[in-house]
Amino acid sequence: MKFQTWGLSGTLATQDPEDLEFATARLWHWIGAIDDACNRFRADSEIRRVEEQSLGHAVAVGPLLFEALEVACAVSVQTAGIVDPTIGSALRAWLRP
């Protein structure tokens, strides 16, 4: 099964065709969960709520957002900053007319 999300294309395949329906449901479940937690373009996402609430102080986050941030920071270190999850504000300022 081919699919598109977040401007990307993907393919989901299973060894047993009977498993494809279950795998498709799990795929969209996790894509939805990541989108709910991490989509900085959605005003109702967890990361946007955290951004609005934090204003310089600690704020509790859910386990999925925490793990996504942990992975993003690890990738930043592994790529020597080529991939950097902390540039959102600078990017928005640069793109603002």
PDB file of N, CA and C in Angstrom:
ATOM      1  N   MET A   1       0.838  -1.168   0.000  1.00  0.00           N
ATOM      2  CA  MET A   1       0.000   0.000   0.000  1.00  0.00           C
ATOM      3  C   MET A   1       0.889   1.239   0.000  1.00  0.00           C
ATOM      4  N   LYS A   2       0.663   2.138  -0.920  1.00  0.00           N
ATOM      5  CA  LYS A   2       1.385   3.404  -0.967  1.00  0.00           C
ATOM      6  C   LYS A   2       0.555   4.448  -0.217  1.00  0.00           C
ATOM      7  N   PHE A   3       1.252   5.373   0.464  1.00  0.00           N
ATOM      8  CA  PHE A   3       0.550   6.427   1.193  1.00  0.00           C
ATOM      9  C   PHE A   3       1.381   7.695   1.173  1.00  0.00           C
ATOM     10  N   GLN A   4       0.741   8.811   1.472  1.00  0.00           N
ATOM     11  CA  GLN A   4       1.419  10.092   1.596  1.00  0.00           C
ATOM     12  C   GLN A   4       0.979  10.767   2.878  1.00  0.00           C
ATOM     13  N   THR A   5       1.949  11.401   3.535  1.00  0.00           N
ATOM     14  CA  THR A   5       1.655  12.198   4.719  1.00  0.00           C
ATOM     15  C   THR A   5       2.794  13.182   4.927  1.00  0.00           C
ATOM     16  N   TRP A   6       2.484  14.342   5.442  1.00  0.00           N
ATOM     17  CA  TRP A   6       3.483  15.379   5.741  1.00  0.00           C
ATOM     18  C   TRP A   6       4.361  15.703   4.543  1.00  0.00           C
ATOM     19  N   GLY A   7       3.808  15.597   3.340  1.00  0.00           N
ATOM     20  CA  GLY A   7       4.579  15.898   2.146  1.00  0.00           C
ATOM     21  C   GLY A   7       5.552  14.799   1.734  1.00  0.00           C
ATOM     22  N   LEU A   8       5.433  13.638   2.355  1.00  0.00           N
ATOM     23  CA  LEU A   8       6.312  12.510   2.054  1.00  0.00           C
ATOM     24  C   LEU A   8       5.498  11.347   1.508  1.00  0.00           C
ATOM     25  N   SER A   9       6.159  10.472   0.780  1.00  0.00           N
ATOM     26  CA  SER A   9       5.522   9.258   0.268  1.00  0.00           C
ATOM     27  C   SER A   9       6.121   8.056   0.970  1.00  0.00           C
ATOM     28  N   GLY A  10       5.306   7.040   1.151  1.00  0.00           N
ATOM     29  CA  GLY A  10       5.790   5.817   1.776  1.00  0.00           C
ATOM     30  C   GLY A  10       5.081   4.611   1.214  1.00  0.00           C
ATOM     31  N   THR A  11       5.598   3.456   1.565  1.00  0.00           N
ATOM     32  CA  THR A  11       4.992   2.197   1.175  1.00  0.00           C
ATOM     33  C   THR A  11       4.919   1.310   2.400  1.00  0.00           C
ATOM     34  N   LEU A  12       3.766   0.723   2.635  1.00  0.00           N
ATOM     35  CA  LEU A  12       3.571  -0.226   3.716  1.00  0.00           C
ATOM     36  C   LEU A  12       3.352  -1.594   3.090  1.00  0.00           C
ATOM     37  N   ALA A  13       4.137  -2.562   3.520  1.00  0.00           N
ATOM     38  CA  ALA A  13       4.006  -3.919   2.995  1.00  0.00           C
ATOM     39  C   ALA A  13       4.034  -4.907   4.154  1.00  0.00           C
ATOM     40  N   THR A  14       3.355  -6.015   3.981  1.00  0.00           N
ATOM     41  CA  THR A  14       3.364  -7.094   4.967  1.00  0.00           C
ATOM     42  C   THR A  14       3.708  -8.393   4.254  1.00  0.00           C
ATOM     43  N   GLN A  15       4.254  -9.341   5.001  1.00  0.00           N
ATOM     44  CA  GLN A  15       4.559 -10.638   4.412  1.00  0.00           C
ATOM     45  C   GLN A  15       3.278 -11.401   4.102  1.00  0.00           C
ATOM     46  N   ASP A  16       2.281 -11.252   4.966  1.00  0.00           N
ATOM     47  CA  ASP A  16       0.997 -11.936   4.791  1.00  0.00           C
ATOM     48  C   ASP A  16      -0.049 -10.889   4.416  1.00  0.00           C
ATOM     49  N   PRO A  17      -0.653 -10.977   3.235  1.00  0.00           N
ATOM     50  CA  PRO A  17      -1.653  -9.998   2.806  1.00  0.00           C
ATOM     51  C   PRO A  17      -2.802  -9.825   3.804  1.00  0.00           C
ATOM     52  N   GLU A  18      -3.078 -10.853   4.587  1.00  0.00           N
ATOM     53  CA  GLU A  18      -4.155 -10.749   5.575  1.00  0.00           C
ATOM     54  C   GLU A  18      -3.794  -9.796   6.712  1.00  0.00           C
ATOM     55  N   ASP A  19      -2.531  -9.495   6.884  1.00  0.00           N
ATOM     56  CA  ASP A  19      -2.079  -8.580   7.935  1.00  0.00           C
ATOM     57  C   ASP A  19      -2.108  -7.117   7.506  1.00  0.00           C
ATOM     58  N   LEU A  20      -2.346  -6.851   6.224  1.00  0.00           N
ATOM     59  CA  LEU A  20      -2.258  -5.489   5.718  1.00  0.00           C
ATOM     60  C   LEU A  20      -3.296  -4.564   6.352  1.00  0.00           C
ATOM     61  N   GLU A  21      -4.498  -5.031   6.567  1.00  0.00           N
ATOM     62  CA  GLU A  21      -5.533  -4.175   7.161  1.00  0.00           C
ATOM     63  C   GLU A  21      -5.128  -3.746   8.580  1.00  0.00           C
ATOM     64  N   PHE A  22      -4.654  -4.696   9.375  1.00  0.00           N
ATOM     65  CA  PHE A  22      -4.206  -4.377  10.732  1.00  0.00           C
ATOM     66  C   PHE A  22      -3.006  -3.428  10.692  1.00  0.00           C
ATOM     67  N   ALA A  23      -2.035  -3.712   9.809  1.00  0.00           N
ATOM     68  CA  ALA A  23      -0.838  -2.875   9.704  1.00  0.00           C
ATOM     69  C   ALA A  23      -1.202  -1.456   9.268  1.00  0.00           C
ATOM     70  N   THR A  24      -2.157  -1.333   8.358  1.00  0.00           N
ATOM     71  CA  THR A  24      -2.607  -0.012   7.903  1.00  0.00           C
ATOM     72  C   THR A  24      -3.240   0.759   9.055  1.00  0.00           C
ATOM     73  N   ALA A  25      -4.066   0.096   9.839  1.00  0.00           N
ATOM     74  CA  ALA A  25      -4.694   0.751  10.993  1.00  0.00           C
ATOM     75  C   ALA A  25      -3.631   1.213  11.988  1.00  0.00           C
ATOM     76  N   ARG A  26      -2.615   0.379  12.244  1.00  0.00           N
ATOM     77  CA  ARG A  26      -1.537   0.756  13.176  1.00  0.00           C
ATOM     78  C   ARG A  26      -0.723   1.916  12.617  1.00  0.00           C
ATOM     79  N   LEU A  27      -0.428   1.876  11.314  1.00  0.00           N
ATOM     80  CA  LEU A  27       0.314   2.955  10.675  1.00  0.00           C
ATOM     81  C   LEU A  27      -0.381   4.287  10.902  1.00  0.00           C
ATOM     82  N   TRP A  28      -1.686   4.364  10.578  1.00  0.00           N
ATOM     83  CA  TRP A  28      -2.410   5.630  10.703  1.00  0.00           C
ATOM     84  C   TRP A  28      -2.622   6.011  12.165  1.00  0.00           C
ATOM     85  N   HIS A  29      -2.706   5.026  13.048  1.00  0.00           N
ATOM     86  CA  HIS A  29      -2.785   5.333  14.477  1.00  0.00           C
ATOM     87  C   HIS A  29      -1.525   6.091  14.908  1.00  0.00           C
ATOM     88  N   TRP A  30      -0.355   5.565  14.568  1.00  0.00           N
ATOM     89  CA  TRP A  30       0.899   6.186  15.014  1.00  0.00           C
ATOM     90  C   TRP A  30       1.190   7.481  14.283  1.00  0.00           C
ATOM     91  N   ILE A  31       0.856   7.562  13.008  1.00  0.00           N
ATOM     92  CA  ILE A  31       1.018   8.834  12.303  1.00  0.00           C
ATOM     93  C   ILE A  31       0.134   9.891  12.951  1.00  0.00           C
ATOM     94  N   GLY A  32      -1.098   9.535  13.298  1.00  0.00           N
ATOM     95  CA  GLY A  32      -1.994  10.469  13.979  1.00  0.00           C
ATOM     96  C   GLY A  32      -1.479  10.874  15.352  1.00  0.00           C
ATOM     97  N   ALA A  33      -0.937   9.911  16.093  1.00  0.00           N
ATOM     98  CA  ALA A  33      -0.416  10.208  17.428  1.00  0.00           C
ATOM     99  C   ALA A  33       0.782  11.157  17.344  1.00  0.00           C
ATOM    100  N   ILE A  34       1.682  10.909  16.410  1.00  0.00           N
ATOM    101  CA  ILE A  34       2.834  11.800  16.226  1.00  0.00           C
ATOM    102  C   ILE A  34       2.367  13.181  15.784  1.00  0.00           C
ATOM    103  N   ASP A  35       1.399  13.222  14.882  1.00  0.00           N
ATOM    104  CA  ASP A  35       0.867  14.497  14.416  1.00  0.00           C
ATOM    105  C   ASP A  35       0.236  15.278  15.572  1.00  0.00           C
ATOM    106  N   ASP A  36      -0.538  14.600  16.404  1.00  0.00           N
ATOM    107  CA  ASP A  36      -1.162  15.255  17.564  1.00  0.00           C
ATOM    108  C   ASP A  36      -0.120  15.817  18.524  1.00  0.00           C
ATOM    109  N   ALA A  37       0.983  15.102  18.702  1.00  0.00           N
ATOM    110  CA  ALA A  37       2.004  15.513  19.663  1.00  0.00           C
ATOM    111  C   ALA A  37       2.999  16.508  19.078  1.00  0.00           C
ATOM    112  N   CYS A  38       3.400  16.320  17.836  1.00  0.00           N
ATOM    113  CA  CYS A  38       4.595  16.999  17.346  1.00  0.00           C
ATOM    114  C   CYS A  38       4.413  17.965  16.183  1.00  0.00           C
ATOM    115  N   ASN A  39       3.223  18.140  15.682  1.00  0.00           N
ATOM    116  CA  ASN A  39       3.058  18.978  14.492  1.00  0.00           C
ATOM    117  C   ASN A  39       3.080  20.456  14.874  1.00  0.00           C
ATOM    118  N   ARG A  40       4.188  21.126  14.575  1.00  0.00           N
ATOM    119  CA  ARG A  40       4.314  22.537  14.948  1.00  0.00           C
ATOM    120  C   ARG A  40       3.460  23.455  14.096  1.00  0.00           C
ATOM    121  N   PHE A  41       2.839  22.915  13.057  1.00  0.00           N
ATOM    122  CA  PHE A  41       1.971  23.714  12.200  1.00  0.00           C
ATOM    123  C   PHE A  41       0.510  23.654  12.631  1.00  0.00           C
ATOM    124  N   ARG A  42       0.190  22.804  13.601  1.00  0.00           N
ATOM    125  CA  ARG A  42      -1.189  22.687  14.094  1.00  0.00           C
ATOM    126  C   ARG A  42      -1.308  23.385  15.445  1.00  0.00           C
ATOM    127  N   ALA A  43      -2.218  24.331  15.545  1.00  0.00           N
ATOM    128  CA  ALA A  43      -2.392  25.088  16.791  1.00  0.00           C
ATOM    129  C   ALA A  43      -2.818  24.192  17.948  1.00  0.00           C
ATOM    130  N   ASP A  44      -3.445  23.048  17.651  1.00  0.00           N
ATOM    131  CA  ASP A  44      -3.937  22.165  18.709  1.00  0.00           C
ATOM    132  C   ASP A  44      -2.969  21.036  19.057  1.00  0.00           C
ATOM    133  N   SER A  45      -1.750  21.059  18.516  1.00  0.00           N
ATOM    134  CA  SER A  45      -0.797  19.987  18.827  1.00  0.00           C
ATOM    135  C   SER A  45      -0.184  20.201  20.209  1.00  0.00           C
ATOM    136  N   GLU A  46       0.316  19.131  20.779  1.00  0.00           N
ATOM    137  CA  GLU A  46       0.919  19.228  22.108  1.00  0.00           C
ATOM    138  C   GLU A  46       2.138  20.143  22.106  1.00  0.00           C
ATOM    139  N   ILE A  47       2.956  20.057  21.083  1.00  0.00           N
ATOM    140  CA  ILE A  47       4.163  20.875  21.063  1.00  0.00           C
ATOM    141  C   ILE A  47       3.829  22.364  20.999  1.00  0.00           C
ATOM    142  N   ARG A  48       2.769  22.718  20.301  1.00  0.00           N
ATOM    143  CA  ARG A  48       2.350  24.128  20.258  1.00  0.00           C
ATOM    144  C   ARG A  48       1.797  24.567  21.602  1.00  0.00           C
ATOM    145  N   ARG A  49       1.049  23.687  22.285  1.00  0.00           N
ATOM    146  CA  ARG A  49       0.547  24.038  23.624  1.00  0.00           C
ATOM    147  C   ARG A  49       1.700  24.211  24.593  1.00  0.00           C
ATOM    148  N   VAL A  50       2.699  23.344  24.500  1.00  0.00           N
ATOM    149  CA  VAL A  50       3.877  23.454  25.360  1.00  0.00           C
ATOM    150  C   VAL A  50       4.592  24.775  25.088  1.00  0.00           C
ATOM    151  N   GLU A  51       4.754  25.098  23.823  1.00  0.00           N
ATOM    152  CA  GLU A  51       5.416  26.343  23.442  1.00  0.00           C
ATOM    153  C   GLU A  51       4.695  27.556  24.039  1.00  0.00           C
ATOM    154  N   GLU A  52       3.379  27.540  23.991  1.00  0.00           N
ATOM    155  CA  GLU A  52       2.596  28.652  24.527  1.00  0.00           C
ATOM    156  C   GLU A  52       2.621  28.707  26.050  1.00  0.00           C
ATOM    157  N   GLN A  53       2.689  27.547  26.712  1.00  0.00           N
ATOM    158  CA  GLN A  53       2.635  27.489  28.169  1.00  0.00           C
ATOM    159  C   GLN A  53       3.991  27.692  28.828  1.00  0.00           C
ATOM    160  N   SER A  54       5.060  27.316  28.155  1.00  0.00           N
ATOM    161  CA  SER A  54       6.351  27.270  28.837  1.00  0.00           C
ATOM    162  C   SER A  54       6.894  28.651  29.177  1.00  0.00           C
ATOM    163  N   LEU A  55       6.990  29.544  28.231  1.00  0.00           N
ATOM    164  CA  LEU A  55       7.484  30.902  28.457  1.00  0.00           C
ATOM    165  C   LEU A  55       8.619  30.961  29.472  1.00  0.00           C
ATOM    166  N   GLY A  56       9.626  30.132  29.263  1.00  0.00           N
ATOM    167  CA  GLY A  56      10.816  30.169  30.099  1.00  0.00           C
ATOM    168  C   GLY A  56      10.792  29.313  31.339  1.00  0.00           C
ATOM    169  N   HIS A  57       9.757  28.521  31.543  1.00  0.00           N
ATOM    170  CA  HIS A  57       9.758  27.637  32.707  1.00  0.00           C
ATOM    171  C   HIS A  57       9.380  26.217  32.291  1.00  0.00           C
ATOM    172  N   ALA A  58       9.662  25.283  33.173  1.00  0.00           N
ATOM    173  CA  ALA A  58       9.424  23.869  32.884  1.00  0.00           C
ATOM    174  C   ALA A  58       7.939  23.586  32.731  1.00  0.00           C
ATOM    175  N   VAL A  59       7.634  22.663  31.859  1.00  0.00           N
ATOM    176  CA  VAL A  59       6.255  22.247  31.641  1.00  0.00           C
ATOM    177  C   VAL A  59       6.254  20.740  31.362  1.00  0.00           C
ATOM    178  N   ALA A  60       5.272  20.046  31.885  1.00  0.00           N
ATOM    179  CA  ALA A  60       5.167  18.594  31.686  1.00  0.00           C
ATOM    180  C   ALA A  60       4.741  18.291  30.252  1.00  0.00           C
ATOM    181  N   VAL A  61       5.324  17.240  29.680  1.00  0.00           N
ATOM    182  CA  VAL A  61       4.934  16.794  28.342  1.00  0.00           C
ATOM    183  C   VAL A  61       4.597  15.313  28.398  1.00  0.00           C
ATOM    184  N   GLY A  62       3.824  14.865  27.423  1.00  0.00           N
ATOM    185  CA  GLY A  62       3.452  13.459  27.341  1.00  0.00           C
ATOM    186  C   GLY A  62       4.632  12.604  26.903  1.00  0.00           C
ATOM    187  N   PRO A  63       4.534  11.295  27.105  1.00  0.00           N
ATOM    188  CA  PRO A  63       5.648  10.394  26.779  1.00  0.00           C
ATOM    189  C   PRO A  63       6.014  10.368  25.299  1.00  0.00           C
ATOM    190  N   LEU A  64       5.056  10.506  24.410  1.00  0.00           N
ATOM    191  CA  LEU A  64       5.373  10.460  22.986  1.00  0.00           C
ATOM    192  C   LEU A  64       6.131  11.713  22.558  1.00  0.00           C
ATOM    193  N   LEU A  65       5.695  12.875  23.004  1.00  0.00           N
ATOM    194  CA  LEU A  65       6.421  14.105  22.688  1.00  0.00           C
ATOM    195  C   LEU A  65       7.814  14.073  23.310  1.00  0.00           C
ATOM    196  N   PHE A  66       7.918  13.597  24.542  1.00  0.00           N
ATOM    197  CA  PHE A  66       9.219  13.509  25.205  1.00  0.00           C
ATOM    198  C   PHE A  66      10.165  12.636  24.386  1.00  0.00           C
ATOM    199  N   GLU A  67       9.695  11.470  23.965  1.00  0.00           N
ATOM    200  CA  GLU A  67      10.543  10.565  23.178  1.00  0.00           C
ATOM    201  C   GLU A  67      10.923  11.196  21.845  1.00  0.00           C
ATOM    202  N   ALA A  68       9.979  11.860  21.194  1.00  0.00           N
ATOM    203  CA  ALA A  68      10.282  12.507  19.913  1.00  0.00           C
ATOM    204  C   ALA A  68      11.338  13.593  20.098  1.00  0.00           C
ATOM    205  N   LEU A  69      11.239  14.370  21.169  1.00  0.00           N
ATOM    206  CA  LEU A  69      12.232  15.413  21.431  1.00  0.00           C
ATOM    207  C   LEU A  69      13.593  14.806  21.759  1.00  0.00           C
ATOM    208  N   GLU A  70      13.584  13.711  22.517  1.00  0.00           N
ATOM    209  CA  GLU A  70      14.828  13.011  22.841  1.00  0.00           C
ATOM    210  C   GLU A  70      15.530  12.523  21.571  1.00  0.00           C
ATOM    211  N   VAL A  71      14.767  11.912  20.685  1.00  0.00           N
ATOM    212  CA  VAL A  71      15.327  11.410  19.424  1.00  0.00           C
ATOM    213  C   VAL A  71      15.823  12.575  18.572  1.00  0.00           C
ATOM    214  N   ALA A  72      15.044  13.651  18.485  1.00  0.00           N
ATOM    215  CA  ALA A  72      15.439  14.815  17.686  1.00  0.00           C
ATOM    216  C   ALA A  72      16.748  15.414  18.203  1.00  0.00           C
ATOM    217  N   CYS A  73      16.900  15.512  19.509  1.00  0.00           N
ATOM    218  CA  CYS A  73      18.140  16.047  20.089  1.00  0.00           C
ATOM    219  C   CYS A  73      19.312  15.105  19.844  1.00  0.00           C
ATOM    220  N   ALA A  74      19.080  13.804  19.932  1.00  0.00           N
ATOM    221  CA  ALA A  74      20.143  12.827  19.657  1.00  0.00           C
ATOM    222  C   ALA A  74      20.585  12.915  18.199  1.00  0.00           C
ATOM    223  N   VAL A  75      19.644  13.063  17.291  1.00  0.00           N
ATOM    224  CA  VAL A  75      19.985  13.186  15.869  1.00  0.00           C
ATOM    225  C   VAL A  75      20.772  14.472  15.630  1.00  0.00           C
ATOM    226  N   SER A  76      20.427  15.534  16.327  1.00  0.00           N
ATOM    227  CA  SER A  76      21.177  16.780  16.205  1.00  0.00           C
ATOM    228  C   SER A  76      22.637  16.573  16.597  1.00  0.00           C
ATOM    229  N   VAL A  77      22.852  15.866  17.689  1.00  0.00           N
ATOM    230  CA  VAL A  77      24.223  15.575  18.133  1.00  0.00           C
ATOM    231  C   VAL A  77      24.927  14.685  17.106  1.00  0.00           C
ATOM    232  N   GLN A  78      24.240  13.645  16.638  1.00  0.00           N
ATOM    233  CA  GLN A  78      24.844  12.695  15.701  1.00  0.00           C
ATOM    234  C   GLN A  78      25.181  13.336  14.358  1.00  0.00           C
ATOM    235  N   THR A  79      24.460  14.389  13.981  1.00  0.00           N
ATOM    236  CA  THR A  79      24.705  15.050  12.691  1.00  0.00           C
ATOM    237  C   THR A  79      25.491  16.343  12.859  1.00  0.00           C
ATOM    238  N   ALA A  80      26.030  16.562  14.058  1.00  0.00           N
ATOM    239  CA  ALA A  80      26.796  17.781  14.359  1.00  0.00           C
ATOM    240  C   ALA A  80      25.986  19.034  14.048  1.00  0.00           C
ATOM    241  N   GLY A  81      24.684  18.966  14.333  1.00  0.00           N
ATOM    242  CA  GLY A  81      23.822  20.137  14.177  1.00  0.00           C
ATOM    243  C   GLY A  81      23.232  20.338  12.800  1.00  0.00           C
ATOM    244  N   ILE A  82      23.531  19.451  11.852  1.00  0.00           N
ATOM    245  CA  ILE A  82      22.940  19.587  10.514  1.00  0.00           C
ATOM    246  C   ILE A  82      21.416  19.449  10.616  1.00  0.00           C
ATOM    247  N   VAL A  83      20.970  18.515  11.438  1.00  0.00           N
ATOM    248  CA  VAL A  83      19.554  18.388  11.764  1.00  0.00           C
ATOM    249  C   VAL A  83      19.391  19.017  13.137  1.00  0.00           C
ATOM    250  N   ASP A  84      18.571  20.078  13.236  1.00  0.00           N
ATOM    251  CA  ASP A  84      18.466  20.821  14.487  1.00  0.00           C
ATOM    252  C   ASP A  84      16.997  21.105  14.810  1.00  0.00           C
ATOM    253  N   PRO A  85      16.463  20.456  15.856  1.00  0.00           N
ATOM    254  CA  PRO A  85      15.051  20.652  16.194  1.00  0.00           C
ATOM    255  C   PRO A  85      14.767  21.970  16.909  1.00  0.00           C
ATOM    256  N   THR A  86      15.785  22.780  17.145  1.00  0.00           N
ATOM    257  CA  THR A  86      15.589  24.001  17.936  1.00  0.00           C
ATOM    258  C   THR A  86      15.503  25.265  17.095  1.00  0.00           C
ATOM    259  N   ILE A  87      15.433  25.151  15.785  1.00  0.00           N
ATOM    260  CA  ILE A  87      15.482  26.346  14.945  1.00  0.00           C
ATOM    261  C   ILE A  87      14.110  26.888  14.542  1.00  0.00           C
ATOM    262  N   GLY A  88      13.051  26.344  15.113  1.00  0.00           N
ATOM    263  CA  GLY A  88      11.699  26.765  14.718  1.00  0.00           C
ATOM    264  C   GLY A  88      11.467  28.259  14.809  1.00  0.00           C
ATOM    265  N   SER A  89      11.834  28.885  15.918  1.00  0.00           N
ATOM    266  CA  SER A  89      11.619  30.332  16.087  1.00  0.00           C
ATOM    267  C   SER A  89      12.411  31.122  15.072  1.00  0.00           C
ATOM    268  N   ALA A  90      13.669  30.750  14.855  1.00  0.00           N
ATOM    269  CA  ALA A  90      14.506  31.454  13.883  1.00  0.00           C
ATOM    270  C   ALA A  90      13.947  31.291  12.470  1.00  0.00           C
ATOM    271  N   LEU A  91      13.464  30.097  12.160  1.00  0.00           N
ATOM    272  CA  LEU A  91      12.891  29.854  10.843  1.00  0.00           C
ATOM    273  C   LEU A  91      11.635  30.677  10.625  1.00  0.00           C
ATOM    274  N   ARG A  92      10.755  30.715  11.641  1.00  0.00           N
ATOM    275  CA  ARG A  92       9.534  31.525  11.532  1.00  0.00           C
ATOM    276  C   ARG A  92       9.886  33.001  11.353  1.00  0.00           C
ATOM    277  N   ALA A  93      10.865  33.518  12.094  1.00  0.00           N
ATOM    278  CA  ALA A  93      11.262  34.919  11.980  1.00  0.00           C
ATOM    279  C   ALA A  93      11.830  35.200  10.588  1.00  0.00           C
ATOM    280  N   TRP A  94      12.598  34.271  10.061  1.00  0.00           N
ATOM    281  CA  TRP A  94      13.200  34.443   8.747  1.00  0.00           C
ATOM    282  C   TRP A  94      12.131  34.444   7.651  1.00  0.00           C
ATOM    283  N   LEU A  95      11.101  33.606   7.820  1.00  0.00           N
ATOM    284  CA  LEU A  95      10.043  33.488   6.807  1.00  0.00           C
ATOM    285  C   LEU A  95       8.994  34.583   6.910  1.00  0.00           C
ATOM    286  N   ARG A  96       8.951  35.281   8.034  1.00  0.00           N
ATOM    287  CA  ARG A  96       7.959  36.336   8.242  1.00  0.00           C
ATOM    288  C   ARG A  96       8.255  37.515   7.335  1.00  0.00           C
ATOM    289  N   PRO A  97       7.243  38.008   6.620  1.00  0.00           N
ATOM    290  CA  PRO A  97       7.477  39.154   5.704  1.00  0.00           C
ATOM    291  C   PRO A  97       7.788  40.432   6.462  1.00  0.00           C
TER     292      PRO A  97
END
